[in-house]
PDB file of N, CA and C in Angstrom:
ATOM      1  N   MET A   1       0.823  -1.180   0.003  1.00  0.00           N
ATOM      2  CA  MET A   1       0.021   0.000   0.002  1.00  0.00           C
ATOM      3  C   MET A   1       0.898   1.239   0.003  1.00  0.00           C
ATOM      4  N   ALA A   2       0.599   2.188  -0.792  1.00  0.00           N
ATOM      5  CA  ALA A   2       1.390   3.393  -0.965  1.00  0.00           C
ATOM      6  C   ALA A   2       0.713   4.518  -0.161  1.00  0.00           C
ATOM      7  N   LYS A   3       1.559   5.436   0.343  1.00  0.00           N
ATOM      8  CA  LYS A   3       1.088   6.595   1.031  1.00  0.00           C
ATOM      9  C   LYS A   3       1.784   7.818   0.478  1.00  0.00           C
ATOM     10  N   LYS A   4       1.096   8.913   0.346  1.00  0.00           N
ATOM     11  CA  LYS A   4       1.725  10.137  -0.107  1.00  0.00           C
ATOM     12  C   LYS A   4       2.258  10.899   1.084  1.00  0.00           C
ATOM     13  N   ILE A   5       3.436  11.498   0.932  1.00  0.00           N
ATOM     14  CA  ILE A   5       4.003  12.374   1.949  1.00  0.00           C
ATOM     15  C   ILE A   5       4.493  13.661   1.334  1.00  0.00           C
ATOM     16  N   THR A   6       4.623  14.640   2.141  1.00  0.00           N
ATOM     17  CA  THR A   6       5.079  15.988   1.666  1.00  0.00           C
ATOM     18  C   THR A   6       6.426  16.261   2.345  1.00  0.00           C
ATOM     19  N   LEU A   7       7.391  16.668   1.526  1.00  0.00           N
ATOM     20  CA  LEU A   7       8.724  16.983   2.048  1.00  0.00           C
ATOM     21  C   LEU A   7       9.057  18.427   1.687  1.00  0.00           C
ATOM     22  N   GLU A   8       9.803  19.067   2.551  1.00  0.00           N
ATOM     23  CA  GLU A   8      10.353  20.382   2.234  1.00  0.00           C
ATOM     24  C   GLU A   8      11.419  20.142   1.161  1.00  0.00           C
ATOM     25  N   LEU A   9      11.720  21.142   0.354  1.00  0.00           N
ATOM     26  CA  LEU A   9      12.662  21.001  -0.756  1.00  0.00           C
ATOM     27  C   LEU A   9      14.048  20.526  -0.280  1.00  0.00           C
ATOM     28  N   ASP A  10      14.556  21.064   0.819  1.00  0.00           N
ATOM     29  CA  ASP A  10      15.889  20.594   1.291  1.00  0.00           C
ATOM     30  C   ASP A  10      15.838  19.107   1.700  1.00  0.00           C
ATOM     31  N   ALA A  11      14.728  18.659   2.304  1.00  0.00           N
ATOM     32  CA  ALA A  11      14.652  17.266   2.688  1.00  0.00           C
ATOM     33  C   ALA A  11      14.553  16.389   1.412  1.00  0.00           C
ATOM     34  N   TYR A  12      13.825  16.829   0.427  1.00  0.00           N
ATOM     35  CA  TYR A  12      13.772  16.062  -0.834  1.00  0.00           C
ATOM     36  C   TYR A  12      15.154  15.968  -1.486  1.00  0.00           C
ATOM     37  N   LYS A  13      15.928  17.081  -1.477  1.00  0.00           N
ATOM     38  CA  LYS A  13      17.264  17.051  -2.103  1.00  0.00           C
ATOM     39  C   LYS A  13      18.141  16.089  -1.399  1.00  0.00           C
ATOM     40  N   LYS A  14      18.085  16.023  -0.027  1.00  0.00           N
ATOM     41  CA  LYS A  14      18.903  15.056   0.705  1.00  0.00           C
ATOM     42  C   LYS A  14      18.532  13.622   0.418  1.00  0.00           C
ATOM     43  N   LEU A  15      17.205  13.393   0.303  1.00  0.00           N
ATOM     44  CA  LEU A  15      16.696  12.059   0.006  1.00  0.00           C
ATOM     45  C   LEU A  15      17.108  11.669  -1.418  1.00  0.00           C
ATOM     46  N   HIS A  16      16.979  12.587  -2.330  1.00  0.00           N
ATOM     47  CA  HIS A  16      17.375  12.294  -3.740  1.00  0.00           C
ATOM     48  C   HIS A  16      18.854  12.065  -3.848  1.00  0.00           C
ATOM     49  N   ALA A  17      19.668  12.805  -3.095  1.00  0.00           N
ATOM     50  CA  ALA A  17      21.127  12.598  -3.137  1.00  0.00           C
ATOM     51  C   ALA A  17      21.531  11.262  -2.607  1.00  0.00           C
ATOM     52  N   ALA A  18      20.766  10.749  -1.660  1.00  0.00           N
ATOM     53  CA  ALA A  18      21.065   9.403  -1.049  1.00  0.00           C
ATOM     54  C   ALA A  18      20.585   8.270  -1.933  1.00  0.00           C
ATOM     55  N   LYS A  19      19.795   8.569  -2.895  1.00  0.00           N
ATOM     56  CA  LYS A  19      19.141   7.563  -3.784  1.00  0.00           C
ATOM     57  C   LYS A  19      20.170   6.979  -4.727  1.00  0.00           C
ATOM     58  N   ARG A  20      20.289   5.638  -4.792  1.00  0.00           N
ATOM     59  CA  ARG A  20      21.155   4.956  -5.706  1.00  0.00           C
ATOM     60  C   ARG A  20      20.499   4.790  -7.058  1.00  0.00           C
ATOM     61  N   GLU A  21      21.268   4.501  -8.053  1.00  0.00           N
ATOM     62  CA  GLU A  21      20.712   4.305  -9.399  1.00  0.00           C
ATOM     63  C   GLU A  21      19.638   3.232  -9.390  1.00  0.00           C
ATOM     64  N   ARG A  22      18.526   3.589  -9.986  1.00  0.00           N
ATOM     65  CA  ARG A  22      17.341   2.725 -10.062  1.00  0.00           C
ATOM     66  C   ARG A  22      16.719   2.326  -8.723  1.00  0.00           C
ATOM     67  N   GLU A  23      17.036   3.065  -7.703  1.00  0.00           N
ATOM     68  CA  GLU A  23      16.451   2.786  -6.348  1.00  0.00           C
ATOM     69  C   GLU A  23      15.238   3.648  -6.177  1.00  0.00           C
ATOM     70  N   SER A  24      14.237   3.114  -5.549  1.00  0.00           N
ATOM     71  CA  SER A  24      13.043   3.889  -5.254  1.00  0.00           C
ATOM     72  C   SER A  24      13.257   4.739  -4.006  1.00  0.00           C
ATOM     73  N   PHE A  25      12.501   5.773  -3.828  1.00  0.00           N
ATOM     74  CA  PHE A  25      12.571   6.548  -2.599  1.00  0.00           C
ATOM     75  C   PHE A  25      12.183   5.703  -1.390  1.00  0.00           C
ATOM     76  N   SER A  26      11.254   4.779  -1.554  1.00  0.00           N
ATOM     77  CA  SER A  26      10.851   3.895  -0.487  1.00  0.00           C
ATOM     78  C   SER A  26      12.068   3.035  -0.042  1.00  0.00           C
ATOM     79  N   SER A  27      12.849   2.580  -0.969  1.00  0.00           N
ATOM     80  CA  SER A  27      14.063   1.799  -0.633  1.00  0.00           C
ATOM     81  C   SER A  27      15.068   2.611   0.113  1.00  0.00           C
ATOM     82  N   VAL A  28      15.218   3.887  -0.273  1.00  0.00           N
ATOM     83  CA  VAL A  28      16.150   4.781   0.432  1.00  0.00           C
ATOM     84  C   VAL A  28      15.673   4.912   1.896  1.00  0.00           C
ATOM     85  N   VAL A  29      14.431   5.177   2.104  1.00  0.00           N
ATOM     86  CA  VAL A  29      13.925   5.361   3.465  1.00  0.00           C
ATOM     87  C   VAL A  29      14.038   4.029   4.255  1.00  0.00           C
ATOM     88  N   GLN A  30      13.820   2.898   3.633  1.00  0.00           N
ATOM     89  CA  GLN A  30      13.883   1.597   4.325  1.00  0.00           C
ATOM     90  C   GLN A  30      15.301   1.265   4.717  1.00  0.00           C
ATOM     91  N   ARG A  31      16.323   1.691   3.986  1.00  0.00           N
ATOM     92  CA  ARG A  31      17.701   1.350   4.374  1.00  0.00           C
ATOM     93  C   ARG A  31      18.341   2.329   5.347  1.00  0.00           C
ATOM     94  N   VAL A  32      17.608   3.445   5.646  1.00  0.00           N
ATOM     95  CA  VAL A  32      18.145   4.361   6.649  1.00  0.00           C
ATOM     96  C   VAL A  32      18.072   3.725   7.991  1.00  0.00           C
ATOM     97  N   VAL A  33      19.147   3.803   8.744  1.00  0.00           N
ATOM     98  CA  VAL A  33      19.211   3.249  10.071  1.00  0.00           C
ATOM     99  C   VAL A  33      18.734   4.285  11.091  1.00  0.00           C
ATOM    100  N   ILE A  34      17.671   3.997  11.746  1.00  0.00           N
ATOM    101  CA  ILE A  34      17.124   4.887  12.790  1.00  0.00           C
ATOM    102  C   ILE A  34      17.276   4.105  14.101  1.00  0.00           C
ATOM    103  N   PRO A  35      18.244   4.488  14.932  1.00  0.00           N
ATOM    104  CA  PRO A  35      18.496   3.718  16.153  1.00  0.00           C
ATOM    105  C   PRO A  35      17.285   3.783  17.095  1.00  0.00           C
ATOM    106  N   ASP A  36      17.119   2.744  17.831  1.00  0.00           N
ATOM    107  CA  ASP A  36      16.032   2.686  18.825  1.00  0.00           C
ATOM    108  C   ASP A  36      16.531   3.382  20.071  1.00  0.00           C
ATOM    109  N   ALA A  37      16.648   4.645  20.000  1.00  0.00           N
ATOM    110  CA  ALA A  37      17.257   5.470  21.094  1.00  0.00           C
ATOM    111  C   ALA A  37      16.202   5.860  22.143  1.00  0.00           C
ATOM    112  N   PRO A  38      16.649   6.089  23.366  1.00  0.00           N
ATOM    113  CA  PRO A  38      15.703   6.578  24.353  1.00  0.00           C
ATOM    114  C   PRO A  38      15.035   7.845  23.919  1.00  0.00           C
ATOM    115  N   LYS A  39      13.793   7.990  24.329  1.00  0.00           N
ATOM    116  CA  LYS A  39      13.045   9.171  23.895  1.00  0.00           C
ATOM    117  C   LYS A  39      12.924  10.232  24.948  1.00  0.00           C
ATOM    118  N   SER A  40      13.501  10.008  26.155  1.00  0.00           N
ATOM    119  CA  SER A  40      13.465  11.020  27.198  1.00  0.00           C
ATOM    120  C   SER A  40      14.780  10.959  27.982  1.00  0.00           C
ATOM    121  N   GLY A  41      15.023  11.997  28.717  1.00  0.00           N
ATOM    122  CA  GLY A  41      16.241  12.060  29.536  1.00  0.00           C
ATOM    123  C   GLY A  41      16.303  10.932  30.585  1.00  0.00           C
ATOM    124  N   SER A  42      15.140  10.699  31.210  1.00  0.00           N
ATOM    125  CA  SER A  42      15.114   9.620  32.211  1.00  0.00           C
ATOM    126  C   SER A  42      15.353   8.243  31.587  1.00  0.00           C
ATOM    127  N   GLU A  43      14.891   8.013  30.372  1.00  0.00           N
ATOM    128  CA  GLU A  43      15.193   6.756  29.692  1.00  0.00           C
ATOM    129  C   GLU A  43      16.677   6.649  29.380  1.00  0.00           C
ATOM    130  N   LEU A  44      17.258   7.777  28.972  1.00  0.00           N
ATOM    131  CA  LEU A  44      18.731   7.777  28.684  1.00  0.00           C
ATOM    132  C   LEU A  44      19.528   7.470  29.938  1.00  0.00           C
ATOM    133  N   VAL A  45      19.143   8.080  31.059  1.00  0.00           N
ATOM    134  CA  VAL A  45      19.871   7.842  32.320  1.00  0.00           C
ATOM    135  C   VAL A  45      19.728   6.369  32.697  1.00  0.00           C
ATOM    136  N   ALA A  46      18.527   5.834  32.554  1.00  0.00           N
ATOM    137  CA  ALA A  46      18.280   4.426  32.883  1.00  0.00           C
ATOM    138  C   ALA A  46      19.144   3.509  31.997  1.00  0.00           C
ATOM    139  N   LEU A  47      19.270   3.837  30.693  1.00  0.00           N
ATOM    140  CA  LEU A  47      20.087   3.058  29.802  1.00  0.00           C
ATOM    141  C   LEU A  47      21.515   3.096  30.185  1.00  0.00           C
ATOM    142  N   ILE A  48      22.048   4.257  30.482  1.00  0.00           N
ATOM    143  CA  ILE A  48      23.453   4.429  30.889  1.00  0.00           C
ATOM    144  C   ILE A  48      23.740   3.656  32.191  1.00  0.00           C
ATOM    145  N   ARG A  49      22.832   3.765  33.129  1.00  0.00           N
ATOM    146  CA  ARG A  49      22.966   3.006  34.434  1.00  0.00           C
ATOM    147  C   ARG A  49      22.921   1.503  34.215  1.00  0.00           C
ATOM    148  N   SER A  50      22.156   1.070  33.275  1.00  0.00           N
ATOM    149  CA  SER A  50      22.003  -0.371  33.058  1.00  0.00           C
ATOM    150  C   SER A  50      23.168  -0.997  32.301  1.00  0.00           C
ATOM    151  N   ARG A  51      23.788  -0.240  31.376  1.00  0.00           N
ATOM    152  CA  ARG A  51      24.884  -0.816  30.592  1.00  0.00           C
ATOM    153  C   ARG A  51      26.232  -0.180  30.770  1.00  0.00           C
ATOM    154  N   GLY A  52      26.251   0.815  31.644  1.00  0.00           N
ATOM    155  CA  GLY A  52      27.526   1.514  31.900  1.00  0.00           C
ATOM    156  C   GLY A  52      27.812   2.612  30.917  1.00  0.00           C
ATOM    157  N   PRO A  53      29.000   3.233  31.068  1.00  0.00           N
ATOM    158  CA  PRO A  53      29.341   4.344  30.160  1.00  0.00           C
ATOM    159  C   PRO A  53      29.330   3.919  28.705  1.00  0.00           C
ATOM    160  N   LEU A  54      28.976   4.827  27.841  1.00  0.00           N
ATOM    161  CA  LEU A  54      28.944   4.575  26.401  1.00  0.00           C
ATOM    162  C   LEU A  54      30.360   4.585  25.831  1.00  0.00           C
ATOM    163  N   PHE A  55      31.284   5.338  26.461  1.00  0.00           N
ATOM    164  CA  PHE A  55      32.648   5.464  25.942  1.00  0.00           C
ATOM    165  C   PHE A  55      33.641   5.255  27.099  1.00  0.00           C
ATOM    166  N   SER A  56      34.798   4.700  26.756  1.00  0.00           N
ATOM    167  CA  SER A  56      35.866   4.589  27.717  1.00  0.00           C
ATOM    168  C   SER A  56      36.535   5.972  27.902  1.00  0.00           C
ATOM    169  N   GLU A  57      37.371   6.077  28.927  1.00  0.00           N
ATOM    170  CA  GLU A  57      38.084   7.322  29.149  1.00  0.00           C
ATOM    171  C   GLU A  57      38.961   7.687  27.960  1.00  0.00           C
ATOM    172  N   SER A  58      39.666   6.701  27.345  1.00  0.00           N
ATOM    173  CA  SER A  58      40.541   6.993  26.223  1.00  0.00           C
ATOM    174  C   SER A  58      39.705   7.393  24.996  1.00  0.00           C
ATOM    175  N   GLU A  59      38.539   6.814  24.815  1.00  0.00           N
ATOM    176  CA  GLU A  59      37.647   7.240  23.727  1.00  0.00           C
ATOM    177  C   GLU A  59      37.174   8.668  23.931  1.00  0.00           C
ATOM    178  N   LEU A  60      36.798   9.008  25.143  1.00  0.00           N
ATOM    179  CA  LEU A  60      36.363  10.372  25.427  1.00  0.00           C
ATOM    180  C   LEU A  60      37.501  11.392  25.208  1.00  0.00           C
ATOM    181  N   ASP A  61      38.725  11.000  25.611  1.00  0.00           N
ATOM    182  CA  ASP A  61      39.895  11.873  25.375  1.00  0.00           C
ATOM    183  C   ASP A  61      40.079  12.063  23.840  1.00  0.00           C
ATOM    184  N   GLU A  62      39.969  11.013  23.064  1.00  0.00           N
ATOM    185  CA  GLU A  62      40.146  11.139  21.624  1.00  0.00           C
ATOM    186  C   GLU A  62      39.020  11.974  20.995  1.00  0.00           C
ATOM    187  N   LEU A  63      37.799  11.783  21.452  1.00  0.00           N
ATOM    188  CA  LEU A  63      36.707  12.618  20.929  1.00  0.00           C
ATOM    189  C   LEU A  63      36.892  14.089  21.254  1.00  0.00           C
ATOM    190  N   GLU A  64      37.386  14.332  22.452  1.00  0.00           N
ATOM    191  CA  GLU A  64      37.649  15.721  22.863  1.00  0.00           C
ATOM    192  C   GLU A  64      38.763  16.313  22.004  1.00  0.00           C
ATOM    193  N   ARG A  65      39.818  15.553  21.775  1.00  0.00           N
ATOM    194  CA  ARG A  65      40.902  16.038  20.925  1.00  0.00           C
ATOM    195  C   ARG A  65      40.388  16.344  19.534  1.00  0.00           C
ATOM    196  N   ILE A  66      39.603  15.475  18.951  1.00  0.00           N
ATOM    197  CA  ILE A  66      39.059  15.683  17.605  1.00  0.00           C
ATOM    198  C   ILE A  66      38.108  16.899  17.589  1.00  0.00           C
ATOM    199  N   ALA A  67      37.249  17.016  18.602  1.00  0.00           N
ATOM    200  CA  ALA A  67      36.298  18.141  18.672  1.00  0.00           C
ATOM    201  C   ALA A  67      37.025  19.478  18.737  1.00  0.00           C
ATOM    202  N   ASN A  68      38.156  19.542  19.453  1.00  0.00           N
ATOM    203  CA  ASN A  68      38.899  20.784  19.601  1.00  0.00           C
ATOM    204  C   ASN A  68      39.535  21.227  18.284  1.00  0.00           C
ATOM    205  N   HIS A  69      39.654  20.364  17.348  1.00  0.00           N
ATOM    206  CA  HIS A  69      40.292  20.685  16.075  1.00  0.00           C
ATOM    207  C   HIS A  69      39.354  20.539  14.905  1.00  0.00           C
ATOM    208  N   ASP A  70      38.047  20.498  15.182  1.00  0.00           N
ATOM    209  CA  ASP A  70      37.061  20.251  14.124  1.00  0.00           C
ATOM    210  C   ASP A  70      36.254  21.465  13.818  1.00  0.00           C
ATOM    211  N   SER A  71      35.897  21.604  12.588  1.00  0.00           N
ATOM    212  CA  SER A  71      34.909  22.663  12.188  1.00  0.00           C
ATOM    213  C   SER A  71      33.837  22.031  11.366  1.00  0.00           C
ATOM    214  N   PRO A  72      32.670  22.618  11.355  1.00  0.00           N
ATOM    215  CA  PRO A  72      31.553  22.054  10.604  1.00  0.00           C
ATOM    216  C   PRO A  72      31.896  21.923   9.099  1.00  0.00           C
ATOM    217  N   PRO A  73      31.435  20.849   8.476  1.00  0.00           N
ATOM    218  CA  PRO A  73      31.710  20.734   7.030  1.00  0.00           C
ATOM    219  C   PRO A  73      30.799  21.666   6.236  1.00  0.00           C
ATOM    220  N   ASP A  74      31.224  22.021   5.043  1.00  0.00           N
ATOM    221  CA  ASP A  74      30.380  22.897   4.166  1.00  0.00           C
ATOM    222  C   ASP A  74      29.132  22.081   3.797  1.00  0.00           C
ATOM    223  N   ASN A  75      29.251  20.777   3.561  1.00  0.00           N
ATOM    224  CA  ASN A  75      28.144  19.904   3.222  1.00  0.00           C
ATOM    225  C   ASN A  75      28.171  18.685   4.141  1.00  0.00           C
ATOM    226  N   PRO A  76      27.288  18.623   5.152  1.00  0.00           N
ATOM    227  CA  PRO A  76      27.310  17.490   6.110  1.00  0.00           C
ATOM    228  C   PRO A  76      26.980  16.149   5.461  1.00  0.00           C
ATOM    229  N   TRP A  77      26.456  16.149   4.259  1.00  0.00           N
ATOM    230  CA  TRP A  77      26.126  14.885   3.582  1.00  0.00           C
ATOM    231  C   TRP A  77      27.232  14.432   2.651  1.00  0.00           C
ATOM    232  N   ASP A  78      28.311  15.185   2.638  1.00  0.00           N
ATOM    233  CA  ASP A  78      29.467  14.852   1.826  1.00  0.00           C
ATOM    234  C   ASP A  78      30.049  13.531   2.329  1.00  0.00           C
ATOM    235  N   LYS A  79      30.386  12.594   1.398  1.00  0.00           N
ATOM    236  CA  LYS A  79      30.861  11.265   1.720  1.00  0.00           C
ATOM    237  C   LYS A  79      32.102  11.313   2.633  1.00  0.00           C
ATOM    238  N   ARG A  80      32.971  12.235   2.409  1.00  0.00           N
ATOM    239  CA  ARG A  80      34.179  12.361   3.232  1.00  0.00           C
ATOM    240  C   ARG A  80      33.847  12.620   4.677  1.00  0.00           C
ATOM    241  N   HIS A  81      32.864  13.473   4.899  1.00  0.00           N
ATOM    242  CA  HIS A  81      32.441  13.791   6.267  1.00  0.00           C
ATOM    243  C   HIS A  81      31.831  12.550   6.929  1.00  0.00           C
ATOM    244  N   VAL A  82      30.954  11.849   6.223  1.00  0.00           N
ATOM    245  CA  VAL A  82      30.296  10.647   6.730  1.00  0.00           C
ATOM    246  C   VAL A  82      31.315   9.590   7.050  1.00  0.00           C
ATOM    247  N   ASP A  83      32.288   9.360   6.183  1.00  0.00           N
ATOM    248  CA  ASP A  83      33.344   8.382   6.427  1.00  0.00           C
ATOM    249  C   ASP A  83      34.146   8.704   7.713  1.00  0.00           C
ATOM    250  N   CYS A  84      34.386  10.011   7.946  1.00  0.00           N
ATOM    251  CA  CYS A  84      35.149  10.434   9.104  1.00  0.00           C
ATOM    252  C   CYS A  84      34.315  10.132  10.358  1.00  0.00           C
ATOM    253  N   VAL A  85      33.060  10.438  10.370  1.00  0.00           N
ATOM    254  CA  VAL A  85      32.210  10.169  11.534  1.00  0.00           C
ATOM    255  C   VAL A  85      32.058   8.714  11.780  1.00  0.00           C
ATOM    256  N   VAL A  86      31.852   7.908  10.713  1.00  0.00           N
ATOM    257  CA  VAL A  86      31.747   6.487  10.845  1.00  0.00           C
ATOM    258  C   VAL A  86      33.080   5.894  11.387  1.00  0.00           C
ATOM    259  N   GLY A  87      34.150   6.459  10.951  1.00  0.00           N
ATOM    260  CA  GLY A  87      35.473   5.950  11.383  1.00  0.00           C
ATOM    261  C   GLY A  87      35.693   6.082  12.886  1.00  0.00           C
ATOM    262  N   LEU A  88      34.951   6.984  13.531  1.00  0.00           N
ATOM    263  CA  LEU A  88      35.093   7.151  15.006  1.00  0.00           C
ATOM    264  C   LEU A  88      34.681   5.940  15.727  1.00  0.00           C
ATOM    265  N   SER A  89      33.687   5.214  15.228  1.00  0.00           N
ATOM    266  CA  SER A  89      33.106   4.097  15.949  1.00  0.00           C
ATOM    267  C   SER A  89      33.867   2.830  15.687  1.00  0.00           C
ATOM    268  N   GLN A  90      34.903   2.845  14.827  1.00  0.00           N
ATOM    269  CA  GLN A  90      35.650   1.598  14.508  1.00  0.00           C
ATOM    270  C   GLN A  90      36.887   1.502  15.350  1.00  0.00           C
TER     271      GLN A  90
END
């Protein structure tokens, strides 16, 4: 079953840019990873208490070092920027 949606122009451009050759917009949306993150501050606190810190001290130090020398990209959807952010988690 199909549903119609309305997007602002900038959202459409981002969706279109993420679209692979011969891929439908539905497929683009379906492959987007939307984490099942807490929806409130109290849920986030409970999550952290249940599984411990999200980052080690050395990881926090590295993130701080990177943040101190980082500036926003001209285009946040640029592949080089995405690769850099993804590289942090590896």
